Amino acid sequence: MSTRRNFVRQSAITATGAIFFQSVFASLINQNDDDGTFKKPMRILLRSGWQVENIGDIAHTPAMLALIEMYIPEAIVTFWPWYHYLPDNEVQMLKKRFPKMQLVEGKLDVSGQASTKELGEALAVSDFLLHNSGPATIAWQDLSTFKKVFKKPFGIYGVTYGLYGTPEKDILSEADFVYFRDSVSLRKAKDAGVHSPIMKFGPDVVFAIDVTDDEKAIAFLNANELKNGKFFCVIPKHRNTPMWLHKQKNRPFDEVKNARNEAMKEHDHIPLREAISEVVRKTNSKILICHEDETEMEIGKDWLLDKLPEDVKPAVVWLNRPWLTDEAVSIYKRSAGFFGSEMHSPIMCISQGIPAIVVRWEEQSSKGTMWKDIGLGEWLFDFDKEEDVKRFVPAVVAMATDQKASKRKAEKAKGVVQAMLRTNMKEIKKSSG
């Protein structure tokens, strides 16, 4: 018996072949060059969707779709998710915002054989393969196959370089363009000998996020007496994300990483608790403890809420359920600011002109340095450096108490990012044909 989830997914996929070719045909008929000849629309195959347990990773796909819609509106885009499982609510969110988006699922082997008919058709008609933002060039093998077997070009936007031992060096040099989401990655790639025709800093694509669920967000805020501009969002995090708790990943327990998490949990969360207490006491604002990765939900209660002073707890709300990217954006844009140990939620905040302070440490990649790259170095904290730990709480309080200055700083960074995205997308359109 078909489940509702399978029905939603299969409906989107089964319709893909027919709708895809109808879209191509209609575009060919309706678009002409000045001389009256047919103008072929660009067909982009978007490789994205690296995991579904994290609203930040989920955000990559709608953010890139929004950029393509804005800067390459004539393109026909097909989303090819990397992850083996795509929940109903994510499909519905994407289709609601991007009704013309097509979706194909499947795997591609090194010989060019697709595991599904729909993917095979998409590969056959696509002009360009675009690898989306991510922690590395995760789909490097697919890029290689697309180039060698299908003889078609590809490009990479907004990745970190040199992570997880990904053998990406050679394939990056075959790309039409590679944009790195932090200057450290760009420098490392150049030092390693990567030589794509276009190699630049390109802010993580999530800066372009625009999916929202205002109805759900407003209902939640009202139910918890969180007023617009009168609350701050906070996210705690493990040193190492406990992937073994992700049900869909089915990974074994990692004793070494878990031991490191346990050893550092007080060190990393005492400053967050102190910042929460100071903000509540000095600004009369409330705090929303939320999460980016699903494993962070319980951390919010165990490592933050339960250990707060009794006089502070009444002003703190704990988000004790899963949420999706669109609701998160709608809540972040109504907040007064963010501070915490994740990366994509701060990016979502800056995309809305909301101040955001970021905490990093050695277990995380170099992507945090993008905060320096866009002019927010004063809001980036390395908790492996005790001098950064000491200045963290005063910086959070300063952000919370001088909201006009903080807002101006966030808006300035937003402007910097928007200008970069605009320039980069124009270059991408030109280089990808």
Protein backbone atom coordinates (compact mmCIF):
# COMPACT_ATOMS: atom_id res chain seq x y z
CA MET A 1 0.00 0.00 0.00
CA SER A 2 1.40 3.38 -1.00
CA THR A 3 2.05 5.75 1.89
CA ARG A 4 1.25 9.43 1.69
CA ARG A 5 4.96 10.23 1.66
CA ASN A 6 5.59 7.94 -1.26
CA PHE A 7 2.58 9.37 -3.05
CA VAL A 8 3.89 12.94 -2.79
CA ARG A 9 7.36 11.97 -3.90
CA GLN A 10 6.24 9.69 -6.69
CA SER A 11 3.72 12.25 -7.93
CA ALA A 12 6.49 14.81 -8.29
CA ILE A 13 8.85 12.34 -9.93
CA THR A 14 6.37 10.59 -12.22
CA ALA A 15 5.21 13.90 -13.60
CA THR A 16 8.76 15.01 -14.19
CA GLY A 17 9.34 13.34 -17.56
CA ALA A 18 6.19 14.66 -19.22
CA ILE A 19 6.24 18.11 -17.64
CA PHE A 20 9.97 18.47 -18.22
CA PHE A 21 9.71 17.87 -21.93
CA GLN A 22 6.55 19.99 -22.17
CA SER A 23 8.44 22.84 -20.52
CA VAL A 24 11.33 22.45 -22.93
CA PHE A 25 8.97 22.37 -25.92
CA ALA A 26 6.98 25.39 -24.76
CA SER A 27 10.13 27.37 -24.11
CA LEU A 28 11.51 26.54 -27.53
CA ILE A 29 8.30 27.76 -29.18
CA ASN A 30 7.86 30.91 -27.12
CA GLN A 31 11.46 32.14 -27.03
CA ASN A 32 13.03 33.53 -30.19
CA ASP A 33 16.22 35.38 -30.98
CA ASP A 34 16.00 38.79 -32.61
CA ASP A 35 16.40 37.23 -36.04
CA GLY A 36 13.34 35.05 -35.51
CA THR A 37 15.21 31.78 -34.99
CA PHE A 38 14.42 29.55 -32.03
CA LYS A 39 16.27 30.34 -28.83
CA LYS A 40 17.01 27.28 -26.74
CA PRO A 41 16.51 27.75 -22.97
CA MET A 42 19.26 26.64 -20.63
CA ARG A 43 18.46 23.42 -18.82
CA ILE A 44 20.24 23.23 -15.47
CA LEU A 45 20.52 20.05 -13.42
CA LEU A 46 21.04 21.12 -9.79
CA ARG A 47 22.91 18.64 -7.57
CA SER A 48 22.01 19.57 -4.01
CA GLY A 49 20.25 18.33 -0.87
CA TRP A 50 23.17 16.82 1.06
CA GLN A 51 21.11 15.86 4.13
CA VAL A 52 17.64 16.37 5.57
CA GLU A 53 18.36 16.38 9.31
CA ASN A 54 19.59 19.98 9.25
CA ILE A 55 17.51 23.00 8.19
CA GLY A 56 20.71 24.70 7.02
CA ASP A 57 21.54 21.96 4.53
CA ILE A 58 17.93 21.91 3.41
CA ALA A 59 18.21 25.67 2.79
CA HIS A 60 20.84 25.26 0.07
CA THR A 61 18.31 24.08 -2.50
CA PRO A 62 15.60 26.78 -2.26
CA ALA A 63 18.29 29.47 -1.96
CA MET A 64 19.96 28.45 -5.24
CA LEU A 65 16.58 28.09 -6.93
CA ALA A 66 15.82 31.67 -5.86
CA LEU A 67 19.11 32.92 -7.33
CA ILE A 68 18.52 31.15 -10.64
CA GLU A 69 14.97 32.49 -10.75
CA MET A 70 16.30 36.02 -10.25
CA TYR A 71 19.37 36.00 -12.49
CA ILE A 72 18.71 33.23 -15.05
CA PRO A 73 14.89 33.35 -15.22
CA GLU A 74 14.75 31.64 -18.61
CA ALA A 75 16.45 28.50 -17.26
CA ILE A 76 14.61 25.23 -16.75
CA VAL A 77 15.83 23.75 -13.46
CA THR A 78 15.70 20.16 -12.27
CA PHE A 79 16.62 19.39 -8.64
CA TRP A 80 18.60 16.16 -8.26
CA PRO A 81 18.89 15.47 -4.50
CA TRP A 82 21.99 13.75 -3.16
CA TYR A 83 20.33 12.31 -0.09
CA HIS A 84 18.51 9.00 -0.43
CA TYR A 85 15.47 10.23 1.48
CA LEU A 86 13.42 13.36 0.78
CA PRO A 87 10.60 14.08 3.27
CA ASP A 88 7.15 15.19 2.16
CA ASN A 89 7.36 18.55 3.89
CA GLU A 90 10.57 19.48 2.07
CA VAL A 91 9.07 18.57 -1.31
CA GLN A 92 5.94 20.57 -0.49
CA MET A 93 7.99 23.59 0.63
CA LEU A 94 9.96 23.58 -2.62
CA LYS A 95 6.94 23.07 -4.87
CA LYS A 96 5.02 25.82 -3.09
CA ARG A 97 7.77 28.38 -3.68
CA PHE A 98 9.03 27.02 -7.02
CA PRO A 99 6.08 25.38 -8.81
CA LYS A 100 8.05 25.04 -12.06
CA MET A 101 10.91 23.16 -10.40
CA GLN A 102 11.31 19.57 -11.54
CA LEU A 103 12.55 16.79 -9.28
CA VAL A 104 14.40 13.61 -10.19
CA GLU A 105 15.89 11.03 -7.87
CA GLY A 106 18.42 8.30 -8.49
CA LYS A 107 22.10 7.45 -8.62
CA LEU A 108 24.60 7.69 -11.46
CA ASP A 109 27.35 5.11 -11.84
CA VAL A 110 30.76 5.87 -13.34
CA SER A 111 29.71 4.46 -16.72
CA GLY A 112 26.92 7.01 -16.99
CA GLN A 113 24.08 4.60 -16.22
CA ALA A 114 21.28 6.18 -14.19
CA SER A 115 19.36 4.10 -11.65
CA THR A 116 16.01 5.66 -12.65
CA LYS A 117 14.43 6.49 -15.99
CA GLU A 118 13.66 10.04 -14.84
CA LEU A 119 17.28 10.74 -13.94
CA GLY A 120 18.45 9.27 -17.24
CA GLU A 121 16.12 11.61 -19.13
CA ALA A 122 17.22 14.63 -17.10
CA LEU A 123 20.89 13.86 -17.73
CA ALA A 124 20.22 13.46 -21.46
CA VAL A 125 18.51 16.83 -21.92
CA SER A 126 20.39 18.96 -19.37
CA ASP A 127 22.91 21.44 -20.69
CA PHE A 128 24.74 22.11 -17.46
CA LEU A 129 25.28 20.43 -14.09
CA LEU A 130 25.47 22.83 -11.15
CA HIS A 131 26.91 21.60 -7.84
CA ASN A 132 25.39 23.58 -5.00
CA SER A 133 26.91 24.95 -1.79
CA GLY A 134 28.12 22.38 0.68
CA PRO A 135 30.87 21.27 3.07
CA ALA A 136 32.89 19.94 0.13
CA THR A 137 32.41 19.01 -3.53
CA ILE A 138 30.42 16.04 -2.32
CA ALA A 139 29.15 14.96 -5.74
CA TRP A 140 32.59 15.13 -7.35
CA GLN A 141 32.17 11.72 -8.99
CA ASP A 142 28.89 12.76 -10.64
CA LEU A 143 30.59 15.86 -12.01
CA SER A 144 33.37 13.74 -13.45
CA THR A 145 30.91 11.33 -15.08
CA PHE A 146 28.80 14.17 -16.47
CA LYS A 147 31.90 15.64 -18.11
CA LYS A 148 33.48 12.43 -19.39
CA VAL A 149 30.41 10.43 -20.43
CA PHE A 150 27.88 13.09 -21.38
CA LYS A 151 30.52 15.56 -22.66
CA LYS A 152 28.77 18.45 -20.93
CA PRO A 153 30.04 21.28 -18.71
CA PHE A 154 29.54 21.80 -15.01
CA GLY A 155 30.19 24.40 -12.33
CA ILE A 156 30.48 24.53 -8.54
CA TYR A 157 29.11 27.25 -6.29
CA GLY A 158 29.88 28.00 -2.65
CA VAL A 159 31.82 25.01 -1.30
CA THR A 160 34.46 24.51 1.35
CA TYR A 161 37.68 22.89 0.12
CA GLY A 162 39.77 20.12 1.64
CA LEU A 163 37.27 18.45 3.96
CA TYR A 164 36.59 14.77 4.71
CA GLY A 165 39.42 13.70 2.42
CA THR A 166 37.18 14.39 -0.60
CA PRO A 167 39.20 13.69 -3.79
CA GLU A 168 37.96 16.85 -5.45
CA LYS A 169 41.17 18.55 -6.59
CA ASP A 170 41.33 17.22 -10.15
CA ILE A 171 37.64 17.62 -10.96
CA LEU A 172 37.62 21.22 -9.70
CA SER A 173 40.14 22.11 -12.39
CA GLU A 174 37.73 20.81 -15.04
CA ALA A 175 34.87 23.01 -13.86
CA ASP A 176 33.79 26.10 -15.80
CA PHE A 177 33.80 27.90 -12.48
CA VAL A 178 34.38 27.21 -8.78
CA TYR A 179 33.20 29.59 -6.08
CA PHE A 180 34.46 28.88 -2.56
CA ARG A 181 32.33 29.99 0.37
CA ASP A 182 35.27 31.17 2.47
CA SER A 183 38.60 32.75 1.63
CA VAL A 184 40.55 30.04 3.45
CA SER A 185 39.17 27.41 1.05
CA LEU A 186 39.97 29.57 -1.97
CA ARG A 187 43.55 30.01 -0.81
CA LYS A 188 43.96 26.29 -0.05
CA ALA A 189 42.61 25.31 -3.47
CA LYS A 190 44.96 27.69 -5.26
CA ASP A 191 47.90 26.45 -3.20
CA ALA A 192 46.93 22.88 -4.10
CA GLY A 193 47.10 23.72 -7.80
CA VAL A 194 43.40 23.89 -8.66
CA HIS A 195 43.10 26.00 -11.81
CA SER A 196 39.49 26.46 -12.93
CA PRO A 197 38.96 29.42 -15.34
CA ILE A 198 36.94 31.19 -12.63
CA MET A 199 38.01 30.71 -9.00
CA LYS A 200 36.58 33.21 -6.54
CA PHE A 201 35.05 33.72 -3.14
CA GLY A 202 31.32 33.12 -3.35
CA PRO A 203 29.24 33.46 -0.17
CA ASP A 204 27.25 30.40 0.84
CA VAL A 205 24.11 30.31 -1.29
CA VAL A 206 21.87 30.32 1.82
CA PHE A 207 22.39 34.09 1.96
CA ALA A 208 19.79 34.15 -0.84
CA ILE A 209 17.13 32.20 1.09
CA ASP A 210 13.58 33.52 0.73
CA VAL A 211 11.23 30.64 1.59
CA THR A 212 8.91 31.52 4.46
CA ASP A 213 6.00 30.13 6.45
CA ASP A 214 4.69 33.24 8.16
CA GLU A 215 1.43 31.65 9.25
CA LYS A 216 3.12 28.88 11.21
CA ALA A 217 5.79 31.20 12.60
CA ILE A 218 3.31 33.82 13.81
CA ALA A 219 1.16 31.16 15.48
CA PHE A 220 4.21 29.82 17.33
CA LEU A 221 5.42 33.26 18.38
CA ASN A 222 1.98 34.29 19.63
CA ALA A 223 1.55 31.04 21.56
CA ASN A 224 4.86 31.67 23.34
CA GLU A 225 4.47 35.43 23.80
CA LEU A 226 7.49 36.21 21.64
CA LYS A 227 6.98 39.70 20.21
CA ASN A 228 8.57 41.05 17.05
CA GLY A 229 12.01 42.47 17.76
CA LYS A 230 11.79 41.53 21.43
CA PHE A 231 13.49 38.13 21.46
CA PHE A 232 16.85 36.63 20.53
CA CYS A 233 17.47 33.18 19.04
CA VAL A 234 20.16 30.88 20.44
CA ILE A 235 21.45 27.55 19.11
CA PRO A 236 23.79 25.21 21.03
CA LYS A 237 25.83 22.48 19.35
CA HIS A 238 28.00 19.43 19.95
CA ARG A 239 31.66 19.68 19.03
CA ASN A 240 30.96 16.79 16.67
CA THR A 241 27.48 16.30 15.25
CA PRO A 242 26.37 12.85 16.52
CA MET A 243 25.51 11.42 13.12
CA TRP A 244 24.76 8.09 14.81
CA LEU A 245 21.55 9.71 16.11
CA HIS A 246 20.33 10.48 12.58
CA LYS A 247 17.88 7.66 11.92
CA GLN A 248 18.16 7.86 8.15
CA LYS A 249 21.97 7.62 8.21
CA ASN A 250 22.16 4.42 10.27
CA ARG A 251 25.75 5.09 11.37
CA PRO A 252 27.51 3.33 14.27
CA PHE A 253 28.13 5.05 17.57
CA ASP A 254 31.45 6.93 17.58
CA GLU A 255 32.98 6.60 21.03
CA VAL A 256 35.85 9.00 20.37
CA LYS A 257 33.67 11.83 19.04
CA ASN A 258 31.12 11.33 21.78
CA ALA A 259 33.84 11.51 24.43
CA ARG A 260 35.04 14.81 22.95
CA ASN A 261 31.49 16.16 23.01
CA GLU A 262 31.10 15.22 26.66
CA ALA A 263 34.46 16.69 27.61
CA MET A 264 33.71 20.08 26.04
CA LYS A 265 29.99 20.51 26.69
CA GLU A 266 30.36 22.68 29.80
CA HIS A 267 33.23 24.71 28.38
CA ASP A 268 31.25 25.49 25.22
CA HIS A 269 27.87 26.16 26.81
CA ILE A 270 28.69 28.13 29.94
CA PRO A 271 29.30 31.27 27.82
CA LEU A 272 25.96 30.77 26.03
CA ARG A 273 24.12 30.46 29.36
CA GLU A 274 25.87 33.54 30.71
CA ALA A 275 24.98 35.49 27.57
CA ILE A 276 21.34 34.41 27.82
CA SER A 277 21.19 35.54 31.45
CA GLU A 278 22.79 38.91 30.73
CA VAL A 279 20.52 39.62 27.76
CA VAL A 280 17.38 38.74 29.73
CA ARG A 281 18.39 40.82 32.73
CA LYS A 282 19.67 43.88 30.86
CA THR A 283 17.26 44.19 27.92
CA ASN A 284 13.95 42.77 29.15
CA SER A 285 13.99 40.63 26.01
CA LYS A 286 13.08 36.97 25.76
CA ILE A 287 15.15 34.10 24.41
CA LEU A 288 14.18 31.35 21.97
CA ILE A 289 16.41 28.28 22.22
CA CYS A 290 16.12 26.55 18.87
CA HIS A 291 18.10 24.12 16.71
CA GLU A 292 19.51 23.67 13.23
CA ASP A 293 20.35 19.98 13.33
CA GLU A 294 17.70 17.72 14.85
CA THR A 295 20.21 16.40 17.43
CA GLU A 296 20.53 19.89 18.92
CA MET A 297 16.97 19.93 20.21
CA GLU A 298 17.77 18.05 23.40
CA ILE A 299 21.02 19.96 23.90
CA GLY A 300 18.97 23.13 24.15
CA LYS A 301 17.11 21.74 27.12
CA ASP A 302 19.88 19.78 28.83
CA TRP A 303 22.84 22.13 28.37
CA LEU A 304 21.07 25.50 28.31
CA LEU A 305 17.52 25.74 29.66
CA ASP A 306 17.82 23.35 32.61
CA LYS A 307 21.02 25.02 33.85
CA LEU A 308 19.87 28.63 33.65
CA PRO A 309 19.33 30.68 36.84
CA GLU A 310 15.75 30.51 38.13
CA ASP A 311 15.12 34.20 37.58
CA VAL A 312 16.03 33.84 33.89
CA LYS A 313 14.08 30.70 32.97
CA PRO A 314 10.62 32.38 32.72
CA ALA A 315 11.92 34.54 29.87
CA VAL A 316 13.24 31.56 27.88
CA VAL A 317 11.31 29.46 25.36
CA TRP A 318 12.59 26.08 24.18
CA LEU A 319 11.59 24.88 20.71
CA ASN A 320 10.90 21.25 21.53
CA ARG A 321 9.79 20.01 18.12
CA PRO A 322 11.24 19.69 14.60
CA TRP A 323 10.82 22.63 12.25
CA LEU A 324 11.57 23.37 8.61
CA THR A 325 13.64 26.05 6.93
CA ASP A 326 10.68 28.19 5.85
CA GLU A 327 9.33 28.50 9.41
CA ALA A 328 12.83 29.20 10.71
CA VAL A 329 13.36 32.08 8.27
CA SER A 330 9.97 33.54 9.24
CA ILE A 331 10.93 33.41 12.92
CA TYR A 332 14.48 34.68 12.48
CA LYS A 333 13.33 37.73 10.53
CA ARG A 334 11.06 38.71 13.45
CA SER A 335 13.81 38.31 16.05
CA ALA A 336 16.16 40.97 17.41
CA GLY A 337 19.25 38.87 16.75
CA PHE A 338 21.03 35.53 16.98
CA PHE A 339 23.98 34.07 18.84
CA GLY A 340 25.13 30.47 18.90
CA SER A 341 27.26 27.65 17.58
CA GLU A 342 25.74 26.96 14.16
CA MET A 343 26.47 28.57 10.79
CA HIS A 344 23.48 28.52 8.48
CA SER A 345 20.99 30.02 10.91
CA PRO A 346 23.22 33.11 11.26
CA ILE A 347 23.38 33.22 7.45
CA MET A 348 19.58 33.13 7.30
CA CYS A 349 19.49 35.98 9.81
CA ILE A 350 21.92 38.19 7.86
CA SER A 351 19.89 37.48 4.72
CA GLN A 352 17.02 39.23 6.52
CA GLY A 353 19.19 42.03 7.96
CA ILE A 354 19.13 40.48 11.45
CA PRO A 355 22.33 40.65 13.59
CA ALA A 356 24.06 37.31 14.17
CA ILE A 357 27.04 36.27 16.31
CA VAL A 358 28.79 33.00 15.40
CA VAL A 359 30.73 30.56 17.60
CA ARG A 360 33.22 28.14 16.02
CA TRP A 361 35.95 25.66 17.10
CA GLU A 362 38.59 23.38 15.63
CA GLU A 363 36.20 20.50 14.91
CA GLN A 364 34.33 22.70 12.43
CA SER A 365 35.46 23.62 8.94
CA SER A 366 36.82 26.94 7.69
CA LYS A 367 33.37 28.09 6.52
CA GLY A 368 33.06 30.29 9.62
CA THR A 369 35.74 32.59 8.22
CA MET A 370 33.18 33.85 5.71
CA TRP A 371 32.02 36.10 8.58
CA LYS A 372 35.35 37.92 8.26
CA ASP A 373 35.04 37.89 4.48
CA ILE A 374 31.76 39.83 4.60
CA GLY A 375 32.85 42.29 7.28
CA LEU A 376 31.53 40.59 10.41
CA GLY A 377 34.83 39.52 11.96
CA GLU A 378 33.89 41.13 15.29
CA TRP A 379 30.94 38.76 15.48
CA LEU A 380 33.01 35.59 14.95
CA PHE A 381 34.29 33.76 18.04
CA ASP A 382 36.75 30.88 18.27
CA PHE A 383 35.99 29.00 21.49
CA ASP A 384 39.36 27.28 21.34
CA LYS A 385 40.82 30.67 22.21
CA GLU A 386 40.15 31.77 25.77
CA GLU A 387 40.44 35.44 24.81
CA ASP A 388 37.48 34.90 22.44
CA VAL A 389 35.52 33.10 25.14
CA LYS A 390 36.09 36.05 27.50
CA ARG A 391 34.90 38.68 25.02
CA PHE A 392 31.86 36.65 23.88
CA VAL A 393 29.33 37.68 26.53
CA PRO A 394 30.20 41.41 26.35
CA ALA A 395 29.82 41.25 22.55
CA VAL A 396 26.40 39.60 22.80
CA VAL A 397 25.25 42.18 25.34
CA ALA A 398 26.53 45.00 23.12
CA MET A 399 24.62 43.57 20.16
CA ALA A 400 21.46 43.28 22.26
CA THR A 401 21.61 46.67 23.95
CA ASP A 402 22.58 48.79 20.93
CA GLN A 403 20.17 47.32 18.43
CA LYS A 404 20.28 50.25 16.01
CA ALA A 405 24.03 49.91 15.53
CA SER A 406 23.77 46.12 15.33
CA LYS A 407 21.03 46.37 12.73
CA ARG A 408 23.12 48.75 10.62
CA LYS A 409 26.05 46.35 10.79
CA ALA A 410 23.86 43.41 9.71
CA GLU A 411 22.32 45.41 6.86
CA LYS A 412 25.77 46.45 5.65
CA ALA A 413 26.92 42.81 5.55
CA LYS A 414 23.70 41.87 3.76
CA GLY A 415 24.45 44.50 1.12
CA VAL A 416 28.00 43.18 0.66
CA VAL A 417 26.70 39.65 0.16
CA GLN A 418 23.93 40.68 -2.22
CA ALA A 419 26.42 42.56 -4.40
CA MET A 420 28.69 39.50 -4.53
CA LEU A 421 25.82 37.16 -5.35
CA ARG A 422 24.65 39.47 -8.12
CA THR A 423 28.11 39.65 -9.69
CA ASN A 424 28.76 35.94 -9.31
CA MET A 425 25.42 34.90 -10.80
CA LYS A 426 25.99 37.10 -13.84
CA GLU A 427 29.37 35.41 -14.33
CA ILE A 428 27.76 32.00 -13.86
CA LYS A 429 25.11 32.77 -16.47
CA LYS A 430 27.75 33.86 -18.96
CA SER A 431 30.18 31.00 -18.38
CA SER A 432 27.49 28.30 -18.36
CA GLY A 433 26.04 29.46 -21.66
